[in-house]
């Protein structure tokens, strides 16, 4: 669907604690999550304009 939020935490709420822990202790993972979420935001913007 257009404009849906597909951020990592939104897609995998059951792994919220794991994602947050990994993001806190693994800089590479944290950067990948940040990049993924930024791309999702960019795609949603493109879909809705």
N, C-alpha and C. Protein backbone atom coordinates (compact mmCIF):
# COMPACT_ATOMS: atom_id res chain seq x y z
N UNK A 1 0.83 -1.18 0.00
CA UNK A 1 0.00 0.00 0.00
C UNK A 1 0.88 1.24 0.00
N UNK A 2 0.39 2.26 -0.61
CA UNK A 2 1.14 3.50 -0.69
C UNK A 2 1.15 4.23 0.64
N UNK A 3 2.31 4.77 0.99
CA UNK A 3 2.43 5.59 2.18
C UNK A 3 2.52 4.83 3.48
N UNK A 4 2.59 3.50 3.44
CA UNK A 4 2.68 2.73 4.67
C UNK A 4 4.07 2.83 5.29
N UNK A 5 4.10 2.86 6.61
CA UNK A 5 5.36 2.91 7.35
C UNK A 5 5.95 1.49 7.42
N UNK A 6 7.12 1.33 6.82
CA UNK A 6 7.78 0.04 6.85
C UNK A 6 9.10 0.12 7.61
N UNK A 7 9.16 1.01 8.61
CA UNK A 7 10.37 1.10 9.41
C UNK A 7 10.62 -0.25 10.07
N UNK A 8 11.85 -0.48 10.44
CA UNK A 8 12.23 -1.79 10.99
C UNK A 8 11.42 -2.12 12.24
N UNK A 9 11.27 -1.15 13.14
CA UNK A 9 10.51 -1.42 14.36
C UNK A 9 9.03 -1.61 14.07
N UNK A 10 8.52 -0.96 13.04
CA UNK A 10 7.13 -1.14 12.68
C UNK A 10 6.89 -2.51 12.05
N UNK A 11 7.84 -2.96 11.26
CA UNK A 11 7.71 -4.26 10.58
C UNK A 11 7.94 -5.44 11.53
N UNK A 12 8.78 -5.25 12.54
CA UNK A 12 9.13 -6.34 13.44
C UNK A 12 8.99 -5.92 14.90
N UNK A 13 7.79 -5.58 15.34
CA UNK A 13 7.63 -5.12 16.72
C UNK A 13 8.02 -6.17 17.77
N UNK A 14 7.95 -7.43 17.39
CA UNK A 14 8.30 -8.49 18.33
C UNK A 14 9.81 -8.52 18.61
N UNK A 15 10.60 -7.83 17.79
CA UNK A 15 12.04 -7.78 17.97
C UNK A 15 12.52 -6.41 18.44
N UNK A 16 11.61 -5.62 18.98
CA UNK A 16 11.94 -4.26 19.40
C UNK A 16 13.13 -4.25 20.37
N UNK A 17 13.09 -5.08 21.40
CA UNK A 17 14.18 -5.09 22.38
C UNK A 17 15.49 -5.51 21.75
N UNK A 18 15.46 -6.50 20.88
CA UNK A 18 16.67 -6.97 20.20
C UNK A 18 17.23 -5.90 19.29
N UNK A 19 16.37 -5.26 18.51
CA UNK A 19 16.81 -4.20 17.61
C UNK A 19 17.43 -3.05 18.41
N UNK A 20 16.78 -2.65 19.49
CA UNK A 20 17.30 -1.56 20.31
C UNK A 20 18.63 -1.94 20.97
N UNK A 21 18.75 -3.15 21.46
CA UNK A 21 20.00 -3.60 22.07
C UNK A 21 21.12 -3.65 21.05
N UNK A 22 20.85 -4.23 19.89
CA UNK A 22 21.87 -4.29 18.84
C UNK A 22 22.27 -2.89 18.38
N UNK A 23 21.30 -2.01 18.25
CA UNK A 23 21.59 -0.64 17.83
C UNK A 23 22.48 0.08 18.84
N UNK A 24 22.27 -0.21 20.11
CA UNK A 24 23.05 0.43 21.16
C UNK A 24 24.49 -0.08 21.21
N UNK A 25 24.68 -1.37 20.89
CA UNK A 25 26.00 -1.99 21.08
C UNK A 25 26.75 -2.28 19.78
N UNK A 26 26.11 -2.09 18.65
CA UNK A 26 26.75 -2.39 17.37
C UNK A 26 26.55 -1.20 16.43
N UNK A 27 27.60 -0.41 16.27
CA UNK A 27 27.50 0.81 15.48
C UNK A 27 27.13 0.53 14.02
N UNK A 28 27.64 -0.55 13.46
CA UNK A 28 27.31 -0.88 12.07
C UNK A 28 25.82 -1.22 11.93
N UNK A 29 25.31 -2.00 12.86
CA UNK A 29 23.88 -2.33 12.83
C UNK A 29 23.04 -1.07 12.99
N UNK A 30 23.43 -0.21 13.91
CA UNK A 30 22.70 1.03 14.13
C UNK A 30 22.66 1.87 12.87
N UNK A 31 23.77 1.94 12.15
CA UNK A 31 23.82 2.71 10.90
C UNK A 31 22.93 2.09 9.84
N UNK A 32 22.92 0.77 9.77
CA UNK A 32 22.07 0.10 8.79
C UNK A 32 20.60 0.33 9.09
N UNK A 33 20.22 0.32 10.36
CA UNK A 33 18.83 0.61 10.73
C UNK A 33 18.49 2.04 10.34
N UNK A 34 19.39 2.96 10.63
CA UNK A 34 19.18 4.37 10.28
C UNK A 34 19.01 4.53 8.77
N UNK A 35 19.89 3.89 8.00
CA UNK A 35 19.81 3.97 6.54
C UNK A 35 18.51 3.36 6.02
N UNK A 36 18.12 2.22 6.56
CA UNK A 36 16.89 1.54 6.15
C UNK A 36 15.68 2.43 6.41
N UNK A 37 15.63 3.01 7.61
CA UNK A 37 14.49 3.85 7.96
C UNK A 37 14.46 5.12 7.12
N UNK A 38 15.63 5.68 6.80
CA UNK A 38 15.69 6.87 5.96
C UNK A 38 15.19 6.54 4.55
N UNK A 39 15.57 5.39 4.04
CA UNK A 39 15.10 4.97 2.72
C UNK A 39 13.59 4.75 2.73
N UNK A 40 13.08 4.15 3.79
CA UNK A 40 11.64 3.96 3.89
C UNK A 40 10.91 5.30 3.88
N UNK A 41 11.44 6.27 4.59
CA UNK A 41 10.84 7.60 4.63
C UNK A 41 10.87 8.23 3.23
N UNK A 42 11.98 8.08 2.55
CA UNK A 42 12.10 8.63 1.20
C UNK A 42 11.09 7.99 0.24
N UNK A 43 10.94 6.68 0.34
CA UNK A 43 9.99 5.97 -0.52
C UNK A 43 8.56 6.42 -0.21
N UNK A 44 8.21 6.55 1.06
CA UNK A 44 6.86 7.00 1.41
C UNK A 44 6.59 8.39 0.88
N UNK A 45 7.59 9.26 0.93
CA UNK A 45 7.44 10.61 0.40
C UNK A 45 7.18 10.56 -1.09
N UNK A 46 7.94 9.76 -1.80
CA UNK A 46 7.77 9.64 -3.25
C UNK A 46 6.40 9.06 -3.59
N UNK A 47 5.94 8.12 -2.80
CA UNK A 47 4.64 7.48 -3.07
C UNK A 47 3.47 8.45 -2.90
N UNK A 48 3.63 9.40 -2.00
CA UNK A 48 2.49 10.25 -1.66
C UNK A 48 2.53 11.62 -2.35
N UNK A 49 3.54 11.84 -3.20
CA UNK A 49 3.59 13.13 -3.90
C UNK A 49 3.17 12.97 -5.34
